[in-house]
Structure formats: structure tokens, C-alpha cells
mmCIF file of all heavy atoms, coordinates in Angstrom:
data_MODEL
# 
_entry.id   MODEL 
# 
loop_
_atom_site.group_PDB 
_atom_site.id 
_atom_site.type_symbol 
_atom_site.label_atom_id 
_atom_site.label_alt_id 
_atom_site.label_comp_id 
_atom_site.label_asym_id 
_atom_site.label_entity_id 
_atom_site.label_seq_id 
_atom_site.pdbx_PDB_ins_code 
_atom_site.Cartn_x 
_atom_site.Cartn_y 
_atom_site.Cartn_z 
_atom_site.occupancy 
_atom_site.B_iso_or_equiv 
_atom_site.pdbx_formal_charge 
_atom_site.auth_seq_id 
_atom_site.auth_comp_id 
_atom_site.auth_asym_id 
_atom_site.auth_atom_id 
_atom_site.pdbx_PDB_model_num 
ATOM 1   N N   . ILE A 1 1  ? 369.375 -44.668 22.186 1.00 0.00 ? 1  ILE A N   1 
ATOM 2   C CA  . ILE A 1 1  ? 370.808 -44.538 21.938 1.00 0.00 ? 1  ILE A CA  1 
ATOM 3   C C   . ILE A 1 1  ? 371.539 -44.629 23.272 1.00 0.00 ? 1  ILE A C   1 
ATOM 4   O O   . ILE A 1 1  ? 371.174 -43.943 24.234 1.00 0.00 ? 1  ILE A O   1 
ATOM 5   C CB  . ILE A 1 1  ? 371.134 -43.197 21.250 1.00 0.00 ? 1  ILE A CB  1 
ATOM 6   C CG1 . ILE A 1 1  ? 370.398 -43.088 19.915 1.00 0.00 ? 1  ILE A CG1 1 
ATOM 7   C CG2 . ILE A 1 1  ? 372.647 -43.050 21.048 1.00 0.00 ? 1  ILE A CG2 1 
ATOM 8   C CD1 . ILE A 1 1  ? 370.560 -41.724 19.249 1.00 0.00 ? 1  ILE A CD1 1 
ATOM 9   N N   . TYR A 1 2  ? 372.540 -45.473 23.323 1.00 0.00 ? 2  TYR A N   1 
ATOM 10  C CA  . TYR A 1 2  ? 373.349 -45.593 24.527 1.00 0.00 ? 2  TYR A CA  1 
ATOM 11  C C   . TYR A 1 2  ? 374.539 -44.631 24.435 1.00 0.00 ? 2  TYR A C   1 
ATOM 12  O O   . TYR A 1 2  ? 375.131 -44.450 23.374 1.00 0.00 ? 2  TYR A O   1 
ATOM 13  C CB  . TYR A 1 2  ? 373.855 -47.024 24.702 1.00 0.00 ? 2  TYR A CB  1 
ATOM 14  C CG  . TYR A 1 2  ? 372.760 -48.004 25.043 1.00 0.00 ? 2  TYR A CG  1 
ATOM 15  C CD1 . TYR A 1 2  ? 372.063 -48.687 24.044 1.00 0.00 ? 2  TYR A CD1 1 
ATOM 16  C CD2 . TYR A 1 2  ? 372.409 -48.236 26.363 1.00 0.00 ? 2  TYR A CD2 1 
ATOM 17  C CE1 . TYR A 1 2  ? 371.047 -49.575 24.362 1.00 0.00 ? 2  TYR A CE1 1 
ATOM 18  C CE2 . TYR A 1 2  ? 371.401 -49.138 26.692 1.00 0.00 ? 2  TYR A CE2 1 
ATOM 19  C CZ  . TYR A 1 2  ? 370.728 -49.797 25.682 1.00 0.00 ? 2  TYR A CZ  1 
ATOM 20  O OH  . TYR A 1 2  ? 369.721 -50.678 25.999 1.00 0.00 ? 2  TYR A OH  1 
ATOM 21  N N   . TYR A 1 3  ? 374.854 -44.040 25.574 1.00 0.00 ? 3  TYR A N   1 
ATOM 22  C CA  . TYR A 1 3  ? 376.002 -43.144 25.652 1.00 0.00 ? 3  TYR A CA  1 
ATOM 23  C C   . TYR A 1 3  ? 376.952 -43.640 26.742 1.00 0.00 ? 3  TYR A C   1 
ATOM 24  O O   . TYR A 1 3  ? 376.516 -44.206 27.753 1.00 0.00 ? 3  TYR A O   1 
ATOM 25  C CB  . TYR A 1 3  ? 375.565 -41.724 25.986 1.00 0.00 ? 3  TYR A CB  1 
ATOM 26  C CG  . TYR A 1 3  ? 374.897 -40.992 24.846 1.00 0.00 ? 3  TYR A CG  1 
ATOM 27  C CD1 . TYR A 1 3  ? 373.529 -41.117 24.630 1.00 0.00 ? 3  TYR A CD1 1 
ATOM 28  C CD2 . TYR A 1 3  ? 375.631 -40.187 23.978 1.00 0.00 ? 3  TYR A CD2 1 
ATOM 29  C CE1 . TYR A 1 3  ? 372.902 -40.453 23.582 1.00 0.00 ? 3  TYR A CE1 1 
ATOM 30  C CE2 . TYR A 1 3  ? 375.020 -39.519 22.931 1.00 0.00 ? 3  TYR A CE2 1 
ATOM 31  C CZ  . TYR A 1 3  ? 373.660 -39.656 22.743 1.00 0.00 ? 3  TYR A CZ  1 
ATOM 32  O OH  . TYR A 1 3  ? 373.053 -38.991 21.698 1.00 0.00 ? 3  TYR A OH  1 
ATOM 33  N N   . LYS A 1 4  ? 378.224 -43.405 26.522 1.00 0.00 ? 4  LYS A N   1 
ATOM 34  C CA  . LYS A 1 4  ? 379.218 -43.720 27.545 1.00 0.00 ? 4  LYS A CA  1 
ATOM 35  C C   . LYS A 1 4  ? 380.040 -42.478 27.851 1.00 0.00 ? 4  LYS A C   1 
ATOM 36  O O   . LYS A 1 4  ? 380.171 -41.581 27.013 1.00 0.00 ? 4  LYS A O   1 
ATOM 37  C CB  . LYS A 1 4  ? 380.146 -44.856 27.080 1.00 0.00 ? 4  LYS A CB  1 
ATOM 38  C CG  . LYS A 1 4  ? 381.015 -44.494 25.882 1.00 0.00 ? 4  LYS A CG  1 
ATOM 39  C CD  . LYS A 1 4  ? 381.917 -45.656 25.495 1.00 0.00 ? 4  LYS A CD  1 
ATOM 40  C CE  . LYS A 1 4  ? 382.777 -45.306 24.278 1.00 0.00 ? 4  LYS A CE  1 
ATOM 41  N NZ  . LYS A 1 4  ? 383.663 -46.428 23.887 1.00 0.00 ? 4  LYS A NZ  1 
ATOM 42  N N   . HIS A 1 5  ? 380.572 -42.414 29.056 1.00 0.00 ? 5  HIS A N   1 
ATOM 43  C CA  . HIS A 1 5  ? 381.394 -41.253 29.388 1.00 0.00 ? 5  HIS A CA  1 
ATOM 44  C C   . HIS A 1 5  ? 382.814 -41.479 28.885 1.00 0.00 ? 5  HIS A C   1 
ATOM 45  O O   . HIS A 1 5  ? 383.329 -42.583 28.870 1.00 0.00 ? 5  HIS A O   1 
ATOM 46  C CB  . HIS A 1 5  ? 381.307 -40.937 30.885 1.00 0.00 ? 5  HIS A CB  1 
ATOM 47  C CG  . HIS A 1 5  ? 382.409 -41.497 31.726 1.00 0.00 ? 5  HIS A CG  1 
ATOM 48  N ND1 . HIS A 1 5  ? 382.920 -40.825 32.808 1.00 0.00 ? 5  HIS A ND1 1 
ATOM 49  C CD2 . HIS A 1 5  ? 383.089 -42.663 31.674 1.00 0.00 ? 5  HIS A CD2 1 
ATOM 50  C CE1 . HIS A 1 5  ? 383.878 -41.537 33.372 1.00 0.00 ? 5  HIS A CE1 1 
ATOM 51  N NE2 . HIS A 1 5  ? 383.994 -42.654 32.709 1.00 0.00 ? 5  HIS A NE2 1 
ATOM 52  N N   . VAL A 1 6  ? 383.407 -40.396 28.401 1.00 0.00 ? 6  VAL A N   1 
ATOM 53  C CA  . VAL A 1 6  ? 384.734 -40.459 27.788 1.00 0.00 ? 6  VAL A CA  1 
ATOM 54  C C   . VAL A 1 6  ? 385.828 -40.268 28.828 1.00 0.00 ? 6  VAL A C   1 
ATOM 55  O O   . VAL A 1 6  ? 386.951 -40.713 28.650 1.00 0.00 ? 6  VAL A O   1 
ATOM 56  C CB  . VAL A 1 6  ? 384.846 -39.425 26.639 1.00 0.00 ? 6  VAL A CB  1 
ATOM 57  C CG1 . VAL A 1 6  ? 386.237 -39.392 26.046 1.00 0.00 ? 6  VAL A CG1 1 
ATOM 58  C CG2 . VAL A 1 6  ? 383.824 -39.744 25.554 1.00 0.00 ? 6  VAL A CG2 1 
ATOM 59  N N   . GLY A 1 7  ? 385.523 -39.609 29.923 1.00 0.00 ? 7  GLY A N   1 
ATOM 60  C CA  . GLY A 1 7  ? 386.515 -39.496 30.988 1.00 0.00 ? 7  GLY A CA  1 
ATOM 61  C C   . GLY A 1 7  ? 387.217 -38.166 31.070 1.00 0.00 ? 7  GLY A C   1 
ATOM 62  O O   . GLY A 1 7  ? 388.170 -38.014 31.839 1.00 0.00 ? 7  GLY A O   1 
ATOM 63  N N   . ILE A 1 8  ? 386.779 -37.176 30.287 1.00 0.00 ? 8  ILE A N   1 
ATOM 64  C CA  . ILE A 1 8  ? 387.306 -35.821 30.416 1.00 0.00 ? 8  ILE A CA  1 
ATOM 65  C C   . ILE A 1 8  ? 386.308 -35.056 31.273 1.00 0.00 ? 8  ILE A C   1 
ATOM 66  O O   . ILE A 1 8  ? 385.200 -34.759 30.839 1.00 0.00 ? 8  ILE A O   1 
ATOM 67  C CB  . ILE A 1 8  ? 387.493 -35.147 29.040 1.00 0.00 ? 8  ILE A CB  1 
ATOM 68  C CG1 . ILE A 1 8  ? 388.431 -35.996 28.166 1.00 0.00 ? 8  ILE A CG1 1 
ATOM 69  C CG2 . ILE A 1 8  ? 388.046 -33.739 29.200 1.00 0.00 ? 8  ILE A CG2 1 
ATOM 70  C CD1 . ILE A 1 8  ? 388.541 -35.496 26.737 1.00 0.00 ? 8  ILE A CD1 1 
ATOM 71  N N   . ILE A 1 9  ? 386.697 -34.750 32.507 1.00 0.00 ? 9  ILE A N   1 
ATOM 72  C CA  . ILE A 1 9  ? 385.776 -34.194 33.492 1.00 0.00 ? 9  ILE A CA  1 
ATOM 73  C C   . ILE A 1 9  ? 386.209 -32.779 33.854 1.00 0.00 ? 9  ILE A C   1 
ATOM 74  O O   . ILE A 1 9  ? 387.387 -32.514 34.077 1.00 0.00 ? 9  ILE A O   1 
ATOM 75  C CB  . ILE A 1 9  ? 385.737 -35.068 34.758 1.00 0.00 ? 9  ILE A CB  1 
ATOM 76  C CG1 . ILE A 1 9  ? 385.432 -36.528 34.386 1.00 0.00 ? 9  ILE A CG1 1 
ATOM 77  C CG2 . ILE A 1 9  ? 384.705 -34.549 35.753 1.00 0.00 ? 9  ILE A CG2 1 
ATOM 78  C CD1 . ILE A 1 9  ? 385.596 -37.493 35.533 1.00 0.00 ? 9  ILE A CD1 1 
ATOM 79  N N   . GLY A 1 10 ? 385.230 -31.871 33.915 1.00 0.00 ? 10 GLY A N   1 
ATOM 80  C CA  . GLY A 1 10 ? 385.494 -30.509 34.340 1.00 0.00 ? 10 GLY A CA  1 
ATOM 81  C C   . GLY A 1 10 ? 384.893 -30.248 35.712 1.00 0.00 ? 10 GLY A C   1 
ATOM 82  O O   . GLY A 1 10 ? 383.827 -30.782 36.048 1.00 0.00 ? 10 GLY A O   1 
ATOM 83  N N   . TYR A 1 11 ? 385.575 -29.432 36.530 1.00 0.00 ? 11 TYR A N   1 
ATOM 84  C CA  . TYR A 1 11 ? 385.122 -29.133 37.880 1.00 0.00 ? 11 TYR A CA  1 
ATOM 85  C C   . TYR A 1 11 ? 385.175 -27.628 38.139 1.00 0.00 ? 11 TYR A C   1 
ATOM 86  O O   . TYR A 1 11 ? 386.159 -26.968 37.762 1.00 0.00 ? 11 TYR A O   1 
ATOM 87  C CB  . TYR A 1 11 ? 386.046 -29.779 38.935 1.00 0.00 ? 11 TYR A CB  1 
ATOM 88  C CG  . TYR A 1 11 ? 386.204 -31.271 38.873 1.00 0.00 ? 11 TYR A CG  1 
ATOM 89  C CD1 . TYR A 1 11 ? 387.142 -31.861 38.031 1.00 0.00 ? 11 TYR A CD1 1 
ATOM 90  C CD2 . TYR A 1 11 ? 385.454 -32.093 39.713 1.00 0.00 ? 11 TYR A CD2 1 
ATOM 91  C CE1 . TYR A 1 11 ? 387.317 -33.239 38.011 1.00 0.00 ? 11 TYR A CE1 1 
ATOM 92  C CE2 . TYR A 1 11 ? 385.629 -33.476 39.698 1.00 0.00 ? 11 TYR A CE2 1 
ATOM 93  C CZ  . TYR A 1 11 ? 386.560 -34.039 38.842 1.00 0.00 ? 11 TYR A CZ  1 
ATOM 94  O OH  . TYR A 1 11 ? 386.729 -35.398 38.826 1.00 0.00 ? 11 TYR A OH  1 
ATOM 95  N N   . THR A 1 12 ? 384.163 -27.107 38.819 1.00 0.00 ? 12 THR A N   1 
ATOM 96  C CA  . THR A 1 12 ? 384.325 -25.795 39.422 1.00 0.00 ? 12 THR A CA  1 
ATOM 97  C C   . THR A 1 12 ? 385.286 -25.948 40.600 1.00 0.00 ? 12 THR A C   1 
ATOM 98  O O   . THR A 1 12 ? 385.478 -27.054 41.127 1.00 0.00 ? 12 THR A O   1 
ATOM 99  C CB  . THR A 1 12 ? 382.995 -25.237 39.941 1.00 0.00 ? 12 THR A CB  1 
ATOM 100 O OG1 . THR A 1 12 ? 382.482 -26.121 40.956 1.00 0.00 ? 12 THR A OG1 1 
ATOM 101 C CG2 . THR A 1 12 ? 381.968 -25.122 38.804 1.00 0.00 ? 12 THR A CG2 1 
ATOM 102 N N   . ARG A 1 13 ? 385.872 -24.829 41.020 1.00 0.00 ? 13 ARG A N   1 
ATOM 103 C CA  . ARG A 1 13 ? 386.762 -24.903 42.178 1.00 0.00 ? 13 ARG A CA  1 
ATOM 104 C C   . ARG A 1 13 ? 386.011 -25.409 43.407 1.00 0.00 ? 13 ARG A C   1 
ATOM 105 O O   . ARG A 1 13 ? 386.524 -26.210 44.196 1.00 0.00 ? 13 ARG A O   1 
ATOM 106 C CB  . ARG A 1 13 ? 387.370 -23.524 42.449 1.00 0.00 ? 13 ARG A CB  1 
ATOM 107 C CG  . ARG A 1 13 ? 388.227 -23.439 43.709 1.00 0.00 ? 13 ARG A CG  1 
ATOM 108 C CD  . ARG A 1 13 ? 389.422 -24.382 43.659 1.00 0.00 ? 13 ARG A CD  1 
ATOM 109 N NE  . ARG A 1 13 ? 390.097 -24.485 44.917 1.00 0.00 ? 13 ARG A NE  1 
ATOM 110 C CZ  . ARG A 1 13 ? 391.098 -23.695 45.308 1.00 0.00 ? 13 ARG A CZ  1 
ATOM 111 N NH1 . ARG A 1 13 ? 391.503 -22.725 44.520 1.00 0.00 ? 13 ARG A NH1 1 
ATOM 112 N NH2 . ARG A 1 13 ? 391.680 -23.870 46.469 1.00 0.00 ? 13 ARG A NH2 1 
ATOM 113 N N   . GLY A 1 14 ? 384.751 -24.962 43.554 1.00 0.00 ? 14 GLY A N   1 
ATOM 114 C CA  . GLY A 1 14 ? 383.965 -25.401 44.693 1.00 0.00 ? 14 GLY A CA  1 
ATOM 115 C C   . GLY A 1 14 ? 383.731 -26.896 44.694 1.00 0.00 ? 14 GLY A C   1 
ATOM 116 O O   . GLY A 1 14 ? 383.722 -27.544 45.752 1.00 0.00 ? 14 GLY A O   1 
ATOM 117 N N   . MET A 1 15 ? 383.537 -27.491 43.500 1.00 0.00 ? 15 MET A N   1 
ATOM 118 C CA  . MET A 1 15 ? 383.312 -28.936 43.427 1.00 0.00 ? 15 MET A CA  1 
ATOM 119 C C   . MET A 1 15 ? 384.569 -29.708 43.776 1.00 0.00 ? 15 MET A C   1 
ATOM 120 O O   . MET A 1 15 ? 384.511 -30.759 44.436 1.00 0.00 ? 15 MET A O   1 
ATOM 121 C CB  . MET A 1 15 ? 382.806 -29.332 42.042 1.00 0.00 ? 15 MET A CB  1 
ATOM 122 C CG  . MET A 1 15 ? 382.382 -30.805 41.941 1.00 0.00 ? 15 MET A CG  1 
ATOM 123 S SD  . MET A 1 15 ? 381.032 -31.208 43.096 1.00 0.00 ? 15 MET A SD  1 
ATOM 124 C CE  . MET A 1 15 ? 381.216 -32.987 43.227 1.00 0.00 ? 15 MET A CE  1 
ATOM 125 N N   . LEU A 1 16 ? 385.720 -29.219 43.354 1.00 0.00 ? 16 LEU A N   1 
ATOM 126 C CA  . LEU A 1 16 ? 386.970 -29.889 43.726 1.00 0.00 ? 16 LEU A CA  1 
ATOM 127 C C   . LEU A 1 16 ? 387.145 -29.890 45.247 1.00 0.00 ? 16 LEU A C   1 
ATOM 128 O O   . LEU A 1 16 ? 387.553 -30.897 45.835 1.00 0.00 ? 16 LEU A O   1 
ATOM 129 C CB  . LEU A 1 16 ? 388.157 -29.195 43.062 1.00 0.00 ? 16 LEU A CB  1 
ATOM 130 C CG  . LEU A 1 16 ? 388.460 -29.555 41.613 1.00 0.00 ? 16 LEU A CG  1 
ATOM 131 C CD1 . LEU A 1 16 ? 389.657 -28.752 41.108 1.00 0.00 ? 16 LEU A CD1 1 
ATOM 132 C CD2 . LEU A 1 16 ? 388.727 -31.046 41.440 1.00 0.00 ? 16 LEU A CD2 1 
ATOM 133 N N   . ASP A 1 17 ? 386.848 -28.757 45.881 1.00 0.00 ? 17 ASP A N   1 
ATOM 134 C CA  . ASP A 1 17 ? 386.981 -28.681 47.337 1.00 0.00 ? 17 ASP A CA  1 
ATOM 135 C C   . ASP A 1 17 ? 385.978 -29.626 48.012 1.00 0.00 ? 17 ASP A C   1 
ATOM 136 O O   . ASP A 1 17 ? 386.311 -30.316 48.978 1.00 0.00 ? 17 ASP A O   1 
ATOM 137 C CB  . ASP A 1 17 ? 386.757 -27.248 47.814 1.00 0.00 ? 17 ASP A CB  1 
ATOM 138 C CG  . ASP A 1 17 ? 387.893 -26.316 47.401 1.00 0.00 ? 17 ASP A CG  1 
ATOM 139 O OD1 . ASP A 1 17 ? 388.989 -26.818 47.074 1.00 0.00 ? 17 ASP A OD1 1 
ATOM 140 O OD2 . ASP A 1 17 ? 387.669 -25.090 47.386 1.00 0.00 ? 17 ASP A OD2 1 
ATOM 141 N N   . PHE A 1 18 ? 384.738 -29.659 47.473 1.00 0.00 ? 18 PHE A N   1 
ATOM 142 C CA  . PHE A 1 18 ? 383.735 -30.564 48.039 1.00 0.00 ? 18 PHE A CA  1 
ATOM 143 C C   . PHE A 1 18 ? 384.177 -32.012 47.885 1.00 0.00 ? 18 PHE A C   1 
ATOM 144 O O   . PHE A 1 18 ? 384.039 -32.830 48.806 1.00 0.00 ? 18 PHE A O   1 
ATOM 145 C CB  . PHE A 1 18 ? 382.381 -30.359 47.351 1.00 0.00 ? 18 PHE A CB  1 
ATOM 146 C CG  . PHE A 1 18 ? 381.339 -31.340 47.795 1.00 0.00 ? 18 PHE A CG  1 
ATOM 147 C CD1 . PHE A 1 18 ? 380.618 -31.115 48.962 1.00 0.00 ? 18 PHE A CD1 1 
ATOM 148 C CD2 . PHE A 1 18 ? 381.098 -32.502 47.081 1.00 0.00 ? 18 PHE A CD2 1 
ATOM 149 C CE1 . PHE A 1 18 ? 379.674 -32.035 49.398 1.00 0.00 ? 18 PHE A CE1 1 
ATOM 150 C CE2 . PHE A 1 18 ? 380.154 -33.421 47.511 1.00 0.00 ? 18 PHE A CE2 1 
ATOM 151 C CZ  . PHE A 1 18 ? 379.446 -33.187 48.670 1.00 0.00 ? 18 PHE A CZ  1 
ATOM 152 N N   . TYR A 1 19 ? 384.694 -32.353 46.713 1.00 0.00 ? 19 TYR A N   1 
ATOM 153 C CA  . TYR A 1 19 ? 385.128 -33.726 46.444 1.00 0.00 ? 19 TYR A CA  1 
ATOM 154 C C   . TYR A 1 19 ? 386.198 -34.153 47.445 1.00 0.00 ? 19 TYR A C   1 
ATOM 155 O O   . TYR A 1 19 ? 386.171 -35.261 47.979 1.00 0.00 ? 19 TYR A O   1 
ATOM 156 C CB  . TYR A 1 19 ? 385.673 -33.809 45.017 1.00 0.00 ? 19 TYR A CB  1 
ATOM 157 C CG  . TYR A 1 19 ? 385.633 -35.194 44.429 1.00 0.00 ? 19 TYR A CG  1 
ATOM 158 C CD1 . TYR A 1 19 ? 384.727 -35.539 43.438 1.00 0.00 ? 19 TYR A CD1 1 
ATOM 159 C CD2 . TYR A 1 19 ? 386.532 -36.173 44.852 1.00 0.00 ? 19 TYR A CD2 1 
ATOM 160 C CE1 . TYR A 1 19 ? 384.696 -36.811 42.894 1.00 0.00 ? 19 TYR A CE1 1 
ATOM 161 C CE2 . TYR A 1 19 ? 386.515 -37.444 44.317 1.00 0.00 ? 19 TYR A CE2 1 
ATOM 162 C CZ  . TYR A 1 19 ? 385.592 -37.754 43.335 1.00 0.00 ? 19 TYR A CZ  1 
ATOM 163 O OH  . TYR A 1 19 ? 385.558 -39.010 42.817 1.00 0.00 ? 19 TYR A OH  1 
ATOM 164 N N   . LYS A 1 20 ? 387.130 -33.242 47.708 1.00 0.00 ? 20 LYS A N   1 
ATOM 165 C CA  . LYS A 1 20 ? 388.218 -33.561 48.628 1.00 0.00 ? 20 LYS A CA  1 
ATOM 166 C C   . LYS A 1 20 ? 387.706 -33.793 50.050 1.00 0.00 ? 20 LYS A C   1 
ATOM 167 O O   . LYS A 1 20 ? 388.234 -34.640 50.781 1.00 0.00 ? 20 LYS A O   1 
ATOM 168 C CB  . LYS A 1 20 ? 389.241 -32.408 48.629 1.00 0.00 ? 20 LYS A CB  1 
ATOM 169 C CG  . LYS A 1 20 ? 390.367 -32.548 49.638 1.00 0.00 ? 20 LYS A CG  1 
ATOM 170 C CD  . LYS A 1 20 ? 391.223 -33.772 49.340 1.00 0.00 ? 20 LYS A CD  1 
ATOM 171 C CE  . LYS A 1 20 ? 392.487 -33.781 50.187 1.00 0.00 ? 20 LYS A CE  1 
ATOM 172 N NZ  . LYS A 1 20 ? 392.185 -33.817 51.639 1.00 0.00 ? 20 LYS A NZ  1 
ATOM 173 N N   . ASN A 1 21 ? 386.660 -33.061 50.441 1.00 0.00 ? 21 ASN A N   1 
ATOM 174 C CA  . ASN A 1 21 ? 386.213 -33.092 51.829 1.00 0.00 ? 21 ASN A CA  1 
ATOM 175 C C   . ASN A 1 21 ? 385.000 -33.974 52.072 1.00 0.00 ? 21 ASN A C   1 
ATOM 176 O O   . ASN A 1 21 ? 384.431 -33.964 53.165 1.00 0.00 ? 21 ASN A O   1 
ATOM 177 C CB  . ASN A 1 21 ? 385.912 -31.658 52.289 1.00 0.00 ? 21 ASN A CB  1 
ATOM 178 C CG  . ASN A 1 21 ? 387.159 -30.790 52.295 1.00 0.00 ? 21 ASN A CG  1 
ATOM 179 O OD1 . ASN A 1 21 ? 388.207 -31.204 52.767 1.00 0.00 ? 21 ASN A OD1 1 
ATOM 180 N ND2 . ASN A 1 21 ? 387.057 -29.594 51.738 1.00 0.00 ? 21 ASN A ND2 1 
ATOM 181 N N   . SER A 1 22 ? 384.600 -34.756 51.061 1.00 0.00 ? 22 SER A N   1 
ATOM 182 C CA  . SER A 1 22 ? 383.444 -35.644 51.218 1.00 0.00 ? 22 SER A CA  1 
ATOM 183 C C   . SER A 1 22 ? 383.886 -37.098 51.082 1.00 0.00 ? 22 SER A C   1 
ATOM 184 O O   . SER A 1 22 ? 384.924 -37.399 50.493 1.00 0.00 ? 22 SER A O   1 
ATOM 185 C CB  . SER A 1 22 ? 382.370 -35.314 50.174 1.00 0.00 ? 22 SER A CB  1 
ATOM 186 O OG  . SER A 1 22 ? 382.878 -35.476 48.858 1.00 0.00 ? 22 SER A OG  1 
ATOM 187 N N   . ALA A 1 23 ? 383.063 -37.977 51.616 1.00 0.00 ? 23 ALA A N   1 
ATOM 188 C CA  . ALA A 1 23 ? 383.348 -39.413 51.525 1.00 0.00 ? 23 ALA A CA  1 
ATOM 189 C C   . ALA A 1 23 ? 382.553 -40.021 50.378 1.00 0.00 ? 23 ALA A C   1 
ATOM 190 O O   . ALA A 1 23 ? 381.495 -39.502 49.996 1.00 0.00 ? 23 ALA A O   1 
ATOM 191 C CB  . ALA A 1 23 ? 382.962 -40.099 52.836 1.00 0.00 ? 23 ALA A CB  1 
ATOM 192 N N   . PRO A 1 24 ? 383.037 -41.111 49.788 1.00 0.00 ? 24 PRO A N   1 
ATOM 193 C CA  . PRO A 1 24 ? 382.250 -41.786 48.741 1.00 0.00 ? 24 PRO A CA  1 
ATOM 194 C C   . PRO A 1 24 ? 380.875 -42.176 49.265 1.00 0.00 ? 24 PRO A C   1 
ATOM 195 O O   . PRO A 1 24 ? 380.734 -42.635 50.402 1.00 0.00 ? 24 PRO A O   1 
ATOM 196 C CB  . PRO A 1 24 ? 383.092 -43.025 48.414 1.00 0.00 ? 24 PRO A CB  1 
ATOM 197 C CG  . PRO A 1 24 ? 384.487 -42.663 48.825 1.00 0.00 ? 24 PRO A CG  1 
ATOM 198 C CD  . PRO A 1 24 ? 384.332 -41.769 50.027 1.00 0.00 ? 24 PRO A CD  1 
ATOM 199 N N   . GLY A 1 25 ? 379.851 -41.966 48.421 1.00 0.00 ? 25 GLY A N   1 
ATOM 200 C CA  . GLY A 1 25 ? 378.490 -42.341 48.795 1.00 0.00 ? 25 GLY A CA  1 
ATOM 201 C C   . GLY A 1 25 ? 378.163 -43.743 48.345 1.00 0.00 ? 25 GLY A C   1 
ATOM 202 O O   . GLY A 1 25 ? 378.987 -44.441 47.733 1.00 0.00 ? 25 GLY A O   1 
# 
């Protein structure tokens, strides 16, 4: 079965801060 992401994403506060301070891999 194939699955696709719907685009509703949840973040912990720590992940949002990490996302802001990291570069795309």
C-alpha cells in the first residue's frame, strides 16, 4: 500500500527551534 503525506505537520517547540537554526540537509 502506498501512502502520501497530507501536509498537516506537528512540531514540538524544540523541533521548531532546531528547524529554524539548522540548514537544509
